[in-house]
Amino acid sequence: MGIRSEDIGEQLIMAGYTDVFNLYGGIFEWFKQGQPVYDAANNRVEKIHGYLPRYGKWLTKGLKVYDE
């Protein structure tokens, strides 16, 4: 997990962007620490997409969803 965002971050830096960060632990760690997550309508959510069950096991807080 995290390799996709790391790769995209490197591409952005190579394209000239300077304020590029990779969130350590990803969205799962962010959510686990109680940080807010919002949907496209700016509503705070308690559901996090688990991608696949083998990854969702790392999401220990909130509601895991796999398809909506």
Protein backbone atom coordinates (compact mmCIF):
# COMPACT_ATOMS: atom_id res chain seq x y z
CA MET A 1 0.00 0.00 0.00
CA GLY A 2 1.14 3.52 -0.70
CA ILE A 3 3.23 2.76 -3.76
CA ARG A 4 0.67 4.30 -6.11
CA SER A 5 0.64 7.62 -4.28
CA GLU A 6 4.43 7.58 -4.02
CA ASP A 7 4.72 7.05 -7.78
CA ILE A 8 2.20 9.82 -8.53
CA GLY A 9 4.02 12.15 -6.13
CA GLU A 10 7.28 11.57 -7.97
CA GLN A 11 5.57 12.27 -11.30
CA LEU A 12 4.14 15.53 -9.94
CA ILE A 13 7.57 16.64 -8.70
CA MET A 14 9.09 15.81 -12.09
CA ALA A 15 6.32 17.90 -13.69
CA GLY A 16 7.39 20.91 -11.61
CA TYR A 17 5.03 20.83 -8.65
CA THR A 18 6.71 21.74 -5.36
CA ASP A 19 4.08 21.25 -2.62
CA VAL A 20 3.81 17.47 -2.97
CA PHE A 21 3.39 15.22 0.05
CA ASN A 22 2.77 11.52 0.58
CA LEU A 23 0.52 10.74 3.55
CA TYR A 24 2.39 8.18 5.68
CA GLY A 25 0.08 5.26 6.40
CA GLY A 26 -2.41 6.49 3.83
CA ILE A 27 -6.07 7.22 4.37
CA PHE A 28 -6.38 4.26 6.77
CA GLU A 29 -3.86 5.69 9.23
CA TRP A 30 -5.31 9.20 8.85
CA PHE A 31 -8.79 7.92 9.68
CA LYS A 32 -7.54 5.68 12.49
CA GLN A 33 -6.00 8.73 14.17
CA GLY A 34 -9.40 10.44 14.20
CA GLN A 35 -8.66 12.88 11.40
CA PRO A 36 -11.67 13.98 9.36
CA VAL A 37 -12.51 12.55 5.94
CA TYR A 38 -15.03 14.26 3.66
CA ASP A 39 -16.96 13.21 0.58
CA ALA A 40 -17.32 15.23 -2.63
CA ALA A 41 -20.24 17.19 -1.12
CA ASN A 42 -18.04 18.20 1.85
CA ASN A 43 -19.91 15.93 4.30
CA ARG A 44 -17.83 14.20 6.93
CA VAL A 45 -17.92 10.43 6.41
CA GLU A 46 -17.49 7.35 8.57
CA LYS A 47 -17.13 4.96 5.63
CA ILE A 48 -13.76 4.28 4.05
CA HIS A 49 -13.26 2.19 0.94
CA GLY A 50 -11.17 -0.84 1.90
CA TYR A 51 -10.05 -1.59 -1.68
CA LEU A 52 -9.82 -5.34 -1.06
CA PRO A 53 -10.34 -7.40 2.12
CA ARG A 54 -6.60 -8.07 2.32
CA TYR A 55 -6.03 -4.30 2.62
CA GLY A 56 -9.18 -3.51 4.58
CA LYS A 57 -7.85 -5.48 7.54
CA TRP A 58 -5.59 -2.47 8.25
CA LEU A 59 -8.62 -0.19 8.67
CA THR A 60 -9.51 -0.69 12.32
CA LYS A 61 -11.85 2.28 12.79
CA GLY A 62 -15.01 3.35 10.98
CA LEU A 63 -17.01 1.38 8.45
CA LYS A 64 -15.23 -0.51 5.68
CA VAL A 65 -16.93 -0.61 2.33
CA TYR A 66 -15.80 -2.43 -0.78
CA ASP A 67 -18.52 -1.53 -3.31
CA GLU A 68 -21.21 1.11 -3.30
